[in-house]
Amino acid sequence: KSLITGTEVAKKTEPCKWKIWRNLASLQLFLKKNEAVENIETAAMCDPKDLWASLVRARLHLELPSHLDPKDALEDARVADRMAKEKQPVAKRIRALAHLRCGEFENAASAAHAALDLKDVSPSNFLVIAIASAKLGDTSSARHNYEKAVANWPTTLKEHNGYSVTADAGVLWFES
């Protein structure tokens, strides 16, 4: 038997297999490949109501060197947040980071707190709050939230080039 890679499956599959295109884009984004742009657009065209495609596109605008645009990231995160009726913690987390990158520190802290309220205890939420607090002059909050971020940071992400991958309900998600 021969092994078929995800890229080969995606190339041989009808464009409307949006989960394949979205997950391929997510992997390419993790690898910093520009092909992620075309593939996430294909996924979004196949299913315009897929909030995860909007979130991958938001991350693309926050992480892919050739397409950095925090304002576009913020818009994509807002779209995903609306699609989820404001109840998807990952949308709040990405929205918080986009606000932070746009220099909107109060909004960044508010979105990170909203993610925490939705039980998203990702250390990045604490880190966003710490940075926003520092920029707003609240050193006590900055220190407290930085310490929470460090205490909760996953071991795999502490290692050089460390990463984690999760898959849930057809969503492939990379953190690094």
Protein backbone atom coordinates (compact mmCIF):
# COMPACT_ATOMS: atom_id res chain seq x y z
CA LYS A 1 0.00 0.00 0.00
CA SER A 2 1.18 3.48 -0.74
CA LEU A 3 0.69 6.37 1.61
CA ILE A 4 -1.28 9.33 0.33
CA THR A 5 -0.39 12.71 1.74
CA GLY A 6 -2.91 15.36 2.69
CA THR A 7 -1.75 17.50 -0.23
CA GLU A 8 -2.40 14.67 -2.67
CA VAL A 9 -5.88 14.11 -1.23
CA ALA A 10 -6.71 17.81 -1.46
CA LYS A 11 -5.49 18.04 -5.06
CA LYS A 12 -7.63 15.06 -6.11
CA THR A 13 -10.75 16.13 -4.23
CA GLU A 14 -13.53 18.41 -5.39
CA PRO A 15 -13.04 21.99 -4.11
CA CYS A 16 -16.13 21.76 -1.93
CA LYS A 17 -14.43 19.42 0.52
CA TRP A 18 -13.89 22.50 2.67
CA LYS A 19 -12.53 20.67 5.74
CA ILE A 20 -9.65 19.28 3.68
CA TRP A 21 -8.85 22.72 2.24
CA ARG A 22 -9.13 24.40 5.64
CA ASN A 23 -6.91 21.86 7.37
CA LEU A 24 -4.40 21.94 4.52
CA ALA A 25 -4.27 25.73 4.87
CA SER A 26 -3.82 25.38 8.63
CA LEU A 27 -0.86 23.05 8.12
CA GLN A 28 0.64 25.32 5.48
CA LEU A 29 0.22 28.31 7.77
CA PHE A 30 2.07 26.44 10.51
CA LEU A 31 4.86 25.78 7.98
CA LYS A 32 4.73 29.46 6.85
CA LYS A 33 3.86 28.48 3.26
CA ASN A 34 2.18 31.10 1.08
CA GLU A 35 -0.05 28.40 -0.43
CA ALA A 36 -2.12 28.69 2.75
CA VAL A 37 -3.70 31.87 1.35
CA GLU A 38 -5.20 30.19 -1.72
CA ASN A 39 -6.30 27.12 0.20
CA ILE A 40 -8.08 29.00 2.99
CA GLU A 41 -9.86 31.09 0.35
CA THR A 42 -10.99 27.85 -1.33
CA ALA A 43 -12.29 26.56 2.01
CA ALA A 44 -14.11 29.83 2.69
CA MET A 45 -15.72 29.81 -0.77
CA CYS A 46 -16.88 26.23 -0.27
CA ASP A 47 -18.49 27.03 3.06
CA PRO A 48 -18.87 30.76 3.79
CA LYS A 49 -20.42 29.90 7.18
CA ASP A 50 -17.36 28.00 8.47
CA LEU A 51 -16.15 30.13 11.34
CA TRP A 52 -12.95 28.09 11.55
CA ALA A 53 -11.96 29.17 8.04
CA SER A 54 -12.34 32.78 9.18
CA LEU A 55 -10.17 32.04 12.22
CA VAL A 56 -7.44 30.38 10.12
CA ARG A 57 -7.55 33.38 7.77
CA ALA A 58 -7.25 35.71 10.78
CA ARG A 59 -4.22 33.79 12.00
CA LEU A 60 -2.78 33.93 8.50
CA HIS A 61 -2.91 37.75 8.72
CA LEU A 62 -1.20 37.59 12.12
CA GLU A 63 1.47 34.98 11.35
CA LEU A 64 2.30 34.61 7.63
CA PRO A 65 5.16 37.02 6.89
CA SER A 66 4.01 37.78 3.34
CA HIS A 67 0.43 38.60 4.42
CA LEU A 68 0.73 40.35 7.79
CA ASP A 69 -2.21 42.67 8.27
CA PRO A 70 -3.60 42.96 11.81
CA LYS A 71 -6.63 44.98 10.65
CA ASP A 72 -7.67 42.20 8.25
CA ALA A 73 -7.02 39.69 11.03
CA LEU A 74 -9.29 41.66 13.32
CA GLU A 75 -12.07 41.75 10.72
CA ASP A 76 -11.83 37.99 10.14
CA ALA A 77 -11.89 37.36 13.89
CA ARG A 78 -14.94 39.62 14.25
CA VAL A 79 -16.71 37.70 11.47
CA ALA A 80 -15.97 34.39 13.21
CA ASP A 81 -17.08 35.81 16.55
CA ARG A 82 -20.41 36.92 15.03
CA MET A 83 -20.88 33.52 13.36
CA ALA A 84 -20.38 31.87 16.75
CA LYS A 85 -22.85 34.28 18.37
CA GLU A 86 -20.00 35.51 20.62
CA LYS A 87 -19.69 32.08 22.29
CA GLN A 88 -16.52 30.64 20.69
CA PRO A 89 -13.55 31.20 23.01
CA VAL A 90 -10.93 30.69 20.29
CA ALA A 91 -12.56 33.48 18.27
CA LYS A 92 -12.25 35.73 21.33
CA ARG A 93 -8.59 34.72 21.79
CA ILE A 94 -7.67 35.50 18.18
CA ARG A 95 -9.68 38.69 18.33
CA ALA A 96 -7.71 39.68 21.46
CA LEU A 97 -4.40 39.13 19.66
CA ALA A 98 -5.59 41.08 16.61
CA HIS A 99 -6.68 43.99 18.82
CA LEU A 100 -3.28 43.87 20.51
CA ARG A 101 -1.43 43.95 17.18
CA CYS A 102 -3.61 46.91 16.12
CA GLY A 103 -2.58 48.78 19.27
CA GLU A 104 -6.09 48.61 20.72
CA PHE A 105 -5.01 47.60 24.21
CA GLU A 106 -8.29 48.00 26.10
CA ASN A 107 -10.14 45.99 23.44
CA ALA A 108 -7.39 43.35 23.50
CA ALA A 109 -7.68 42.89 27.26
CA SER A 110 -11.48 42.82 27.05
CA ALA A 111 -11.49 40.11 24.36
CA ALA A 112 -8.91 38.04 26.28
CA HIS A 113 -11.05 38.31 29.43
CA ALA A 114 -14.09 37.23 27.38
CA ALA A 115 -12.14 34.16 26.18
CA LEU A 116 -11.24 33.33 29.78
CA ASP A 117 -14.88 33.76 30.79
CA LEU A 118 -15.74 31.17 28.12
CA LYS A 119 -13.31 28.73 29.79
CA ASP A 120 -10.44 29.24 27.32
CA VAL A 121 -7.58 29.13 29.80
CA SER A 122 -4.94 29.40 27.09
CA PRO A 123 -1.85 31.09 28.48
CA SER A 124 -1.89 33.40 25.48
CA ASN A 125 -4.98 35.10 26.94
CA PHE A 126 -3.04 35.92 30.09
CA LEU A 127 -0.12 37.10 27.97
CA VAL A 128 -2.35 39.42 25.92
CA ILE A 129 -3.78 40.87 29.14
CA ALA A 130 -0.26 41.29 30.54
CA ILE A 131 0.98 43.14 27.45
CA ALA A 132 -2.16 45.29 27.21
CA SER A 133 -1.92 46.11 30.93
CA ALA A 134 1.72 47.10 30.58
CA LYS A 135 0.93 49.34 27.60
CA LEU A 136 -1.88 50.95 29.61
CA GLY A 137 0.42 51.52 32.60
CA ASP A 138 -1.03 48.90 34.96
CA THR A 139 2.20 47.16 35.99
CA SER A 140 0.55 45.17 38.77
CA SER A 141 -1.92 43.53 36.36
CA ALA A 142 0.83 43.09 33.78
CA ARG A 143 3.05 41.24 36.26
CA HIS A 144 0.19 39.12 37.65
CA ASN A 145 -1.02 38.02 34.19
CA TYR A 146 2.50 37.42 32.90
CA GLU A 147 3.13 35.08 35.84
CA LYS A 148 -0.15 33.24 35.08
CA ALA A 149 0.87 32.89 31.42
CA VAL A 150 4.28 31.46 32.32
CA ALA A 151 2.83 29.10 34.94
CA ASN A 152 0.29 27.72 32.47
CA TRP A 153 2.48 27.61 29.37
CA PRO A 154 2.41 24.07 27.87
CA THR A 155 5.66 22.15 28.16
CA THR A 156 5.72 21.38 24.42
CA LEU A 157 5.65 25.09 23.62
CA LYS A 158 8.51 25.87 26.00
CA GLU A 159 10.90 23.82 23.89
CA HIS A 160 12.77 25.40 20.97
CA ASN A 161 10.59 24.92 17.87
CA GLY A 162 7.97 23.28 20.08
CA TYR A 163 4.40 22.99 18.92
CA SER A 164 1.15 21.25 19.70
CA VAL A 165 -1.56 20.00 17.38
CA THR A 166 -5.17 19.42 18.29
CA ALA A 167 -7.97 17.97 16.23
CA ASP A 168 -11.57 18.32 17.29
CA ALA A 169 -14.75 18.06 15.24
CA GLY A 170 -12.82 18.19 11.97
CA VAL A 171 -10.66 21.15 12.97
CA LEU A 172 -6.89 20.80 12.82
CA TRP A 173 -5.30 23.48 15.03
CA PHE A 174 -1.59 24.25 15.47
CA GLU A 175 -0.07 26.24 18.32
CA SER A 176 3.58 27.22 18.35
